[in-house]
């Protein structure tokens, strides 16, 4: 059981790190609406009552947001 909790904790830490980096990218490009949406995901993740299913959904959303942020940076902040 300890390894499950350890794995879940590691998963949350990695997702939190990814979300924070994505939020910073959106903010640096001036896309504050997306930055705030990512912030809501961060706050949800920090809530200890988030289910594994919700973490999975946050991971999917984080991947899309990270891709969009990278596209914005690559395109010179359109």
PDB file of N, CA and C in Angstrom:
ATOM      1  N   UNK A   1       0.824  -1.193   0.000  1.00  0.00           N
ATOM      2  CA  UNK A   1       0.000   0.000   0.000  1.00  0.00           C
ATOM      3  C   UNK A   1       0.868   1.257   0.000  1.00  0.00           C
ATOM      4  N   UNK A   2       2.008   1.191   0.663  1.00  0.00           N
ATOM      5  CA  UNK A   2       2.882   2.366   0.727  1.00  0.00           C
ATOM      6  C   UNK A   2       3.373   2.763  -0.658  1.00  0.00           C
ATOM      7  N   UNK A   3       3.691   1.775  -1.500  1.00  0.00           N
ATOM      8  CA  UNK A   3       4.178   2.102  -2.839  1.00  0.00           C
ATOM      9  C   UNK A   3       3.086   2.768  -3.675  1.00  0.00           C
ATOM     10  N   UNK A   4       1.817   2.377  -3.459  1.00  0.00           N
ATOM     11  CA  UNK A   4       0.718   3.032  -4.171  1.00  0.00           C
ATOM     12  C   UNK A   4       0.649   4.496  -3.772  1.00  0.00           C
ATOM     13  N   UNK A   5       0.710   4.782  -2.491  1.00  0.00           N
ATOM     14  CA  UNK A   5       0.671   6.164  -2.025  1.00  0.00           C
ATOM     15  C   UNK A   5       1.884   6.937  -2.513  1.00  0.00           C
ATOM     16  N   UNK A   6       3.033   6.274  -2.531  1.00  0.00           N
ATOM     17  CA  UNK A   6       4.251   6.902  -3.040  1.00  0.00           C
ATOM     18  C   UNK A   6       4.109   7.229  -4.521  1.00  0.00           C
ATOM     19  N   UNK A   7       3.580   6.290  -5.276  1.00  0.00           N
ATOM     20  CA  UNK A   7       3.372   6.501  -6.709  1.00  0.00           C
ATOM     21  C   UNK A   7       2.375   7.606  -6.978  1.00  0.00           C
ATOM     22  N   UNK A   8       1.308   7.635  -6.205  1.00  0.00           N
ATOM     23  CA  UNK A   8       0.295   8.676  -6.360  1.00  0.00           C
ATOM     24  C   UNK A   8       0.882  10.040  -6.002  1.00  0.00           C
ATOM     25  N   UNK A   9       1.682  10.087  -4.974  1.00  0.00           N
ATOM     26  CA  UNK A   9       2.312  11.343  -4.564  1.00  0.00           C
ATOM     27  C   UNK A   9       3.272  11.844  -5.642  1.00  0.00           C
ATOM     28  N   UNK A  10       4.047  10.933  -6.216  1.00  0.00           N
ATOM     29  CA  UNK A  10       4.976  11.296  -7.296  1.00  0.00           C
ATOM     30  C   UNK A  10       4.209  11.805  -8.513  1.00  0.00           C
ATOM     31  N   UNK A  11       3.113  11.150  -8.818  1.00  0.00           N
ATOM     32  CA  UNK A  11       2.267  11.548  -9.953  1.00  0.00           C
ATOM     33  C   UNK A  11       1.738  12.971  -9.747  1.00  0.00           C
ATOM     34  N   UNK A  12       1.286  13.268  -8.538  1.00  0.00           N
ATOM     35  CA  UNK A  12       0.788  14.614  -8.224  1.00  0.00           C
ATOM     36  C   UNK A  12       1.902  15.654  -8.337  1.00  0.00           C
ATOM     37  N   UNK A  13       3.080  15.324  -7.827  1.00  0.00           N
ATOM     38  CA  UNK A  13       4.204  16.279  -7.882  1.00  0.00           C
ATOM     39  C   UNK A  13       4.597  16.583  -9.323  1.00  0.00           C
ATOM     40  N   UNK A  14       4.660  15.559 -10.154  1.00  0.00           N
ATOM     41  CA  UNK A  14       5.017  15.766 -11.561  1.00  0.00           C
ATOM     42  C   UNK A  14       3.967  16.603 -12.281  1.00  0.00           C
ATOM     43  N   UNK A  15       2.708  16.318 -12.019  1.00  0.00           N
ATOM     44  CA  UNK A  15       1.627  17.076 -12.643  1.00  0.00           C
ATOM     45  C   UNK A  15       1.642  18.522 -12.163  1.00  0.00           C
ATOM     46  N   UNK A  16       1.874  18.723 -10.883  1.00  0.00           N
ATOM     47  CA  UNK A  16       1.936  20.075 -10.332  1.00  0.00           C
ATOM     48  C   UNK A  16       3.067  20.873 -10.971  1.00  0.00           C
ATOM     49  N   UNK A  17       4.211  20.249 -11.130  1.00  0.00           N
ATOM     50  CA  UNK A  17       5.350  20.908 -11.770  1.00  0.00           C
ATOM     51  C   UNK A  17       5.021  21.296 -13.209  1.00  0.00           C
ATOM     52  N   UNK A  18       4.389  20.378 -13.927  1.00  0.00           N
ATOM     53  CA  UNK A  18       4.007  20.647 -15.312  1.00  0.00           C
ATOM     54  C   UNK A  18       2.993  21.785 -15.398  1.00  0.00           C
ATOM     55  N   UNK A  19       1.999  21.759 -14.527  1.00  0.00           N
ATOM     56  CA  UNK A  19       0.981  22.811 -14.534  1.00  0.00           C
ATOM     57  C   UNK A  19       1.581  24.177 -14.210  1.00  0.00           C
ATOM     58  N   UNK A  20       2.487  24.210 -13.256  1.00  0.00           N
ATOM     59  CA  UNK A  20       3.115  25.494 -12.897  1.00  0.00           C
ATOM     60  C   UNK A  20       3.933  26.056 -14.061  1.00  0.00           C
ATOM     61  N   UNK A  21       4.658  25.192 -14.750  1.00  0.00           N
ATOM     62  CA  UNK A  21       5.449  25.649 -15.903  1.00  0.00           C
ATOM     63  C   UNK A  21       4.536  26.154 -17.015  1.00  0.00           C
ATOM     64  N   UNK A  22       3.439  25.450 -17.241  1.00  0.00           N
ATOM     65  CA  UNK A  22       2.490  25.860 -18.278  1.00  0.00           C
ATOM     66  C   UNK A  22       1.835  27.186 -17.917  1.00  0.00           C
ATOM     67  N   UNK A  23       1.463  27.334 -16.659  1.00  0.00           N
ATOM     68  CA  UNK A  23       0.862  28.598 -16.208  1.00  0.00           C
ATOM     69  C   UNK A  23       1.825  29.750 -16.440  1.00  0.00           C
ATOM     70  N   UNK A  24       3.098  29.540 -16.132  1.00  0.00           N
ATOM     71  CA  UNK A  24       4.109  30.587 -16.326  1.00  0.00           C
ATOM     72  C   UNK A  24       4.263  30.940 -17.804  1.00  0.00           C
ATOM     73  N   UNK A  25       4.233  29.935 -18.676  1.00  0.00           N
ATOM     74  CA  UNK A  25       4.337  30.202 -20.115  1.00  0.00           C
ATOM     75  C   UNK A  25       3.153  31.024 -20.612  1.00  0.00           C
ATOM     76  N   UNK A  26       1.949  30.648 -20.199  1.00  0.00           N
ATOM     77  CA  UNK A  26       0.777  31.423 -20.615  1.00  0.00           C
ATOM     78  C   UNK A  26       0.861  32.854 -20.089  1.00  0.00           C
ATOM     79  N   UNK A  27       1.261  33.013 -18.842  1.00  0.00           N
ATOM     80  CA  UNK A  27       1.367  34.359 -18.270  1.00  0.00           C
ATOM     81  C   UNK A  27       2.422  35.178 -19.001  1.00  0.00           C
ATOM     82  N   UNK A  28       3.537  34.547 -19.364  1.00  0.00           N
ATOM     83  CA  UNK A  28       4.612  35.283 -20.045  1.00  0.00           C
ATOM     84  C   UNK A  28       4.212  35.736 -21.444  1.00  0.00           C
ATOM     85  N   UNK A  29       3.236  35.040 -22.036  1.00  0.00           N
ATOM     86  CA  UNK A  29       2.767  35.438 -23.364  1.00  0.00           C
ATOM     87  C   UNK A  29       1.587  36.400 -23.280  1.00  0.00           C
ATOM     88  N   UNK A  30       1.161  36.698 -22.071  1.00  0.00           N
ATOM     89  CA  UNK A  30       0.042  37.618 -21.885  1.00  0.00           C
ATOM     90  C   UNK A  30      -1.318  36.954 -21.984  1.00  0.00           C
ATOM     91  N   UNK A  31      -1.359  35.636 -22.036  1.00  0.00           N
ATOM     92  CA  UNK A  31      -2.627  34.910 -22.117  1.00  0.00           C
ATOM     93  C   UNK A  31      -3.100  34.604 -20.691  1.00  0.00           C
ATOM     94  N   UNK A  32      -3.644  35.637 -20.055  1.00  0.00           N
ATOM     95  CA  UNK A  32      -4.010  35.520 -18.647  1.00  0.00           C
ATOM     96  C   UNK A  32      -5.251  34.660 -18.432  1.00  0.00           C
ATOM     97  N   UNK A  33      -6.124  34.586 -19.420  1.00  0.00           N
ATOM     98  CA  UNK A  33      -7.311  33.732 -19.285  1.00  0.00           C
ATOM     99  C   UNK A  33      -6.889  32.265 -19.166  1.00  0.00           C
ATOM    100  N   UNK A  34      -6.000  31.832 -20.046  1.00  0.00           N
ATOM    101  CA  UNK A  34      -5.519  30.444 -19.967  1.00  0.00           C
ATOM    102  C   UNK A  34      -4.681  30.231 -18.716  1.00  0.00           C
ATOM    103  N   UNK A  35      -3.918  31.226 -18.351  1.00  0.00           N
ATOM    104  CA  UNK A  35      -3.108  31.126 -17.140  1.00  0.00           C
ATOM    105  C   UNK A  35      -4.002  30.877 -15.922  1.00  0.00           C
ATOM    106  N   UNK A  36      -5.126  31.572 -15.857  1.00  0.00           N
ATOM    107  CA  UNK A  36      -6.045  31.396 -14.730  1.00  0.00           C
ATOM    108  C   UNK A  36      -6.729  30.029 -14.774  1.00  0.00           C
ATOM    109  N   UNK A  37      -7.018  29.522 -15.961  1.00  0.00           N
ATOM    110  CA  UNK A  37      -7.608  28.186 -16.065  1.00  0.00           C
ATOM    111  C   UNK A  37      -6.634  27.136 -15.543  1.00  0.00           C
ATOM    112  N   UNK A  38      -5.368  27.297 -15.888  1.00  0.00           N
ATOM    113  CA  UNK A  38      -4.356  26.365 -15.393  1.00  0.00           C
ATOM    114  C   UNK A  38      -4.233  26.508 -13.877  1.00  0.00           C
ATOM    115  N   UNK A  39      -4.325  27.730 -13.374  1.00  0.00           N
ATOM    116  CA  UNK A  39      -4.275  27.959 -11.925  1.00  0.00           C
ATOM    117  C   UNK A  39      -5.403  27.208 -11.219  1.00  0.00           C
ATOM    118  N   UNK A  40      -6.577  27.183 -11.812  1.00  0.00           N
ATOM    119  CA  UNK A  40      -7.683  26.424 -11.216  1.00  0.00           C
ATOM    120  C   UNK A  40      -7.340  24.938 -11.137  1.00  0.00           C
ATOM    121  N   UNK A  41      -6.686  24.425 -12.168  1.00  0.00           N
ATOM    122  CA  UNK A  41      -6.243  23.033 -12.137  1.00  0.00           C
ATOM    123  C   UNK A  41      -5.234  22.792 -11.027  1.00  0.00           C
ATOM    124  N   UNK A  42      -4.345  23.751 -10.827  1.00  0.00           N
ATOM    125  CA  UNK A  42      -3.358  23.645  -9.748  1.00  0.00           C
ATOM    126  C   UNK A  42      -4.065  23.598  -8.402  1.00  0.00           C
ATOM    127  N   UNK A  43      -5.031  24.483  -8.204  1.00  0.00           N
ATOM    128  CA  UNK A  43      -5.762  24.511  -6.937  1.00  0.00           C
ATOM    129  C   UNK A  43      -6.524  23.210  -6.707  1.00  0.00           C
ATOM    130  N   UNK A  44      -7.102  22.658  -7.768  1.00  0.00           N
ATOM    131  CA  UNK A  44      -7.794  21.373  -7.638  1.00  0.00           C
ATOM    132  C   UNK A  44      -6.817  20.278  -7.231  1.00  0.00           C
ATOM    133  N   UNK A  45      -5.651  20.289  -7.840  1.00  0.00           N
ATOM    134  CA  UNK A  45      -4.650  19.269  -7.538  1.00  0.00           C
ATOM    135  C   UNK A  45      -4.153  19.384  -6.100  1.00  0.00           C
ATOM    136  N   UNK A  46      -4.030  20.598  -5.609  1.00  0.00           N
ATOM    137  CA  UNK A  46      -3.564  20.799  -4.243  1.00  0.00           C
ATOM    138  C   UNK A  46      -4.601  20.366  -3.209  1.00  0.00           C
ATOM    139  N   UNK A  47      -5.858  20.255  -3.622  1.00  0.00           N
ATOM    140  CA  UNK A  47      -6.909  19.749  -2.746  1.00  0.00           C
ATOM    141  C   UNK A  47      -6.669  18.254  -2.562  1.00  0.00           C
ATOM    142  N   UNK A  48      -6.445  17.834  -1.371  1.00  0.00           N
ATOM    143  CA  UNK A  48      -6.091  16.442  -1.095  1.00  0.00           C
ATOM    144  C   UNK A  48      -7.222  15.455  -1.387  1.00  0.00           C
ATOM    145  N   UNK A  49      -8.425  15.946  -1.661  1.00  0.00           N
ATOM    146  CA  UNK A  49      -9.564  15.070  -1.908  1.00  0.00           C
ATOM    147  C   UNK A  49      -9.753  14.734  -3.389  1.00  0.00           C
ATOM    148  N   UNK A  50      -8.829  15.135  -4.232  1.00  0.00           N
ATOM    149  CA  UNK A  50      -8.945  14.885  -5.669  1.00  0.00           C
ATOM    150  C   UNK A  50      -8.792  13.383  -5.936  1.00  0.00           C
ATOM    151  N   UNK A  51      -9.733  12.842  -6.680  1.00  0.00           N
ATOM    152  CA  UNK A  51      -9.718  11.406  -6.974  1.00  0.00           C
ATOM    153  C   UNK A  51      -8.690  11.083  -8.059  1.00  0.00           C
ATOM    154  N   UNK A  52      -8.395   9.800  -8.181  1.00  0.00           N
ATOM    155  CA  UNK A  52      -7.481   9.351  -9.235  1.00  0.00           C
ATOM    156  C   UNK A  52      -8.040   9.691 -10.611  1.00  0.00           C
ATOM    157  N   UNK A  53      -9.348   9.577 -10.767  1.00  0.00           N
ATOM    158  CA  UNK A  53      -9.974   9.908 -12.053  1.00  0.00           C
ATOM    159  C   UNK A  53      -9.772  11.383 -12.374  1.00  0.00           C
ATOM    160  N   UNK A  54      -9.944  12.241 -11.387  1.00  0.00           N
ATOM    161  CA  UNK A  54      -9.766  13.674 -11.611  1.00  0.00           C
ATOM    162  C   UNK A  54      -8.302  13.980 -11.925  1.00  0.00           C
ATOM    163  N   UNK A  55      -7.385  13.298 -11.276  1.00  0.00           N
ATOM    164  CA  UNK A  55      -5.965  13.493 -11.580  1.00  0.00           C
ATOM    165  C   UNK A  55      -5.696  13.103 -13.030  1.00  0.00           C
ATOM    166  N   UNK A  56      -6.299  12.012 -13.479  1.00  0.00           N
ATOM    167  CA  UNK A  56      -6.149  11.596 -14.875  1.00  0.00           C
ATOM    168  C   UNK A  56      -6.668  12.648 -15.838  1.00  0.00           C
ATOM    169  N   UNK A  57      -7.817  13.225 -15.522  1.00  0.00           N
ATOM    170  CA  UNK A  57      -8.373  14.280 -16.370  1.00  0.00           C
ATOM    171  C   UNK A  57      -7.489  15.523 -16.353  1.00  0.00           C
ATOM    172  N   UNK A  58      -6.950  15.857 -15.187  1.00  0.00           N
ATOM    173  CA  UNK A  58      -6.034  16.995 -15.094  1.00  0.00           C
ATOM    174  C   UNK A  58      -4.768  16.747 -15.907  1.00  0.00           C
ATOM    175  N   UNK A  59      -4.277  15.504 -15.891  1.00  0.00           N
ATOM    176  CA  UNK A  59      -3.090  15.178 -16.687  1.00  0.00           C
ATOM    177  C   UNK A  59      -3.360  15.374 -18.171  1.00  0.00           C
ATOM    178  N   UNK A  60      -4.524  14.955 -18.631  1.00  0.00           N
ATOM    179  CA  UNK A  60      -4.871  15.133 -20.044  1.00  0.00           C
ATOM    180  C   UNK A  60      -4.977  16.614 -20.391  1.00  0.00           C
ATOM    181  N   UNK A  61      -5.637  17.369 -19.532  1.00  0.00           N
ATOM    182  CA  UNK A  61      -5.780  18.812 -19.762  1.00  0.00           C
ATOM    183  C   UNK A  61      -4.432  19.507 -19.719  1.00  0.00           C
ATOM    184  N   UNK A  62      -3.575  19.072 -18.803  1.00  0.00           N
ATOM    185  CA  UNK A  62      -2.245  19.674 -18.686  1.00  0.00           C
ATOM    186  C   UNK A  62      -1.423  19.426 -19.943  1.00  0.00           C
ATOM    187  N   UNK A  63      -1.552  18.241 -20.519  1.00  0.00           N
ATOM    188  CA  UNK A  63      -0.807  17.937 -21.747  1.00  0.00           C
ATOM    189  C   UNK A  63      -1.253  18.838 -22.895  1.00  0.00           C
ATOM    190  N   UNK A  64      -2.555  19.049 -23.015  1.00  0.00           N
ATOM    191  CA  UNK A  64      -3.077  19.929 -24.069  1.00  0.00           C
ATOM    192  C   UNK A  64      -2.630  21.368 -23.822  1.00  0.00           C
ATOM    193  N   UNK A  65      -2.729  21.816 -22.578  1.00  0.00           N
ATOM    194  CA  UNK A  65      -2.329  23.188 -22.248  1.00  0.00           C
ATOM    195  C   UNK A  65      -0.837  23.402 -22.483  1.00  0.00           C
ATOM    196  N   UNK A  66      -0.020  22.418 -22.132  1.00  0.00           N
ATOM    197  CA  UNK A  66       1.426  22.540 -22.343  1.00  0.00           C
ATOM    198  C   UNK A  66       1.746  22.629 -23.832  1.00  0.00           C
ATOM    199  N   UNK A  67       1.056  21.840 -24.628  1.00  0.00           N
ATOM    200  CA  UNK A  67       1.254  21.898 -26.078  1.00  0.00           C
ATOM    201  C   UNK A  67       0.855  23.266 -26.625  1.00  0.00           C
ATOM    202  N   UNK A  68      -0.287  23.771 -26.181  1.00  0.00           N
ATOM    203  CA  UNK A  68      -0.748  25.088 -26.632  1.00  0.00           C
ATOM    204  C   UNK A  68       0.221  26.191 -26.217  1.00  0.00           C
ATOM    205  N   UNK A  69       0.727  26.108 -24.997  1.00  0.00           N
ATOM    206  CA  UNK A  69       1.683  27.115 -24.519  1.00  0.00           C
ATOM    207  C   UNK A  69       2.969  27.057 -25.331  1.00  0.00           C
ATOM    208  N   UNK A  70       3.438  25.853 -25.617  1.00  0.00           N
ATOM    209  CA  UNK A  70       4.655  25.708 -26.424  1.00  0.00           C
ATOM    210  C   UNK A  70       4.443  26.265 -27.828  1.00  0.00           C
ATOM    211  N   UNK A  71       3.261  26.044 -28.386  1.00  0.00           N
ATOM    212  CA  UNK A  71       2.947  26.598 -29.709  1.00  0.00           C
ATOM    213  C   UNK A  71       2.963  28.122 -29.684  1.00  0.00           C
ATOM    214  N   UNK A  72       2.413  28.709 -28.625  1.00  0.00           N
ATOM    215  CA  UNK A  72       2.421  30.172 -28.502  1.00  0.00           C
ATOM    216  C   UNK A  72       3.839  30.717 -28.459  1.00  0.00           C
ATOM    217  N   UNK A  73       4.679  30.074 -27.679  1.00  0.00           N
ATOM    218  CA  UNK A  73       6.070  30.519 -27.556  1.00  0.00           C
ATOM    219  C   UNK A  73       6.791  30.351 -28.890  1.00  0.00           C
ATOM    220  N   UNK A  74       6.576  29.223 -29.547  1.00  0.00           N
ATOM    221  CA  UNK A  74       7.238  28.962 -30.830  1.00  0.00           C
ATOM    222  C   UNK A  74       6.795  29.945 -31.909  1.00  0.00           C
ATOM    223  N   UNK A  75       5.546  30.380 -31.832  1.00  0.00           N
ATOM    224  CA  UNK A  75       5.010  31.318 -32.823  1.00  0.00           C
ATOM    225  C   UNK A  75       5.279  32.774 -32.461  1.00  0.00           C
ATOM    226  N   UNK A  76       6.038  32.997 -31.422  1.00  0.00           N
ATOM    227  CA  UNK A  76       6.398  34.362 -31.039  1.00  0.00           C
ATOM    228  C   UNK A  76       5.273  35.148 -30.396  1.00  0.00           C
ATOM    229  N   UNK A  77       4.464  34.481 -29.590  1.00  0.00           N
ATOM    230  CA  UNK A  77       3.413  35.121 -28.783  1.00  0.00           C
ATOM    231  C   UNK A  77       2.308  35.735 -29.611  1.00  0.00           C
ATOM    232  N   UNK A  78       2.036  35.252 -30.762  1.00  0.00           N
ATOM    233  CA  UNK A  78       0.972  35.793 -31.635  1.00  0.00           C
ATOM    234  C   UNK A  78       0.128  36.766 -30.952  1.00  0.00           C
TER     235      UNK A  78
END
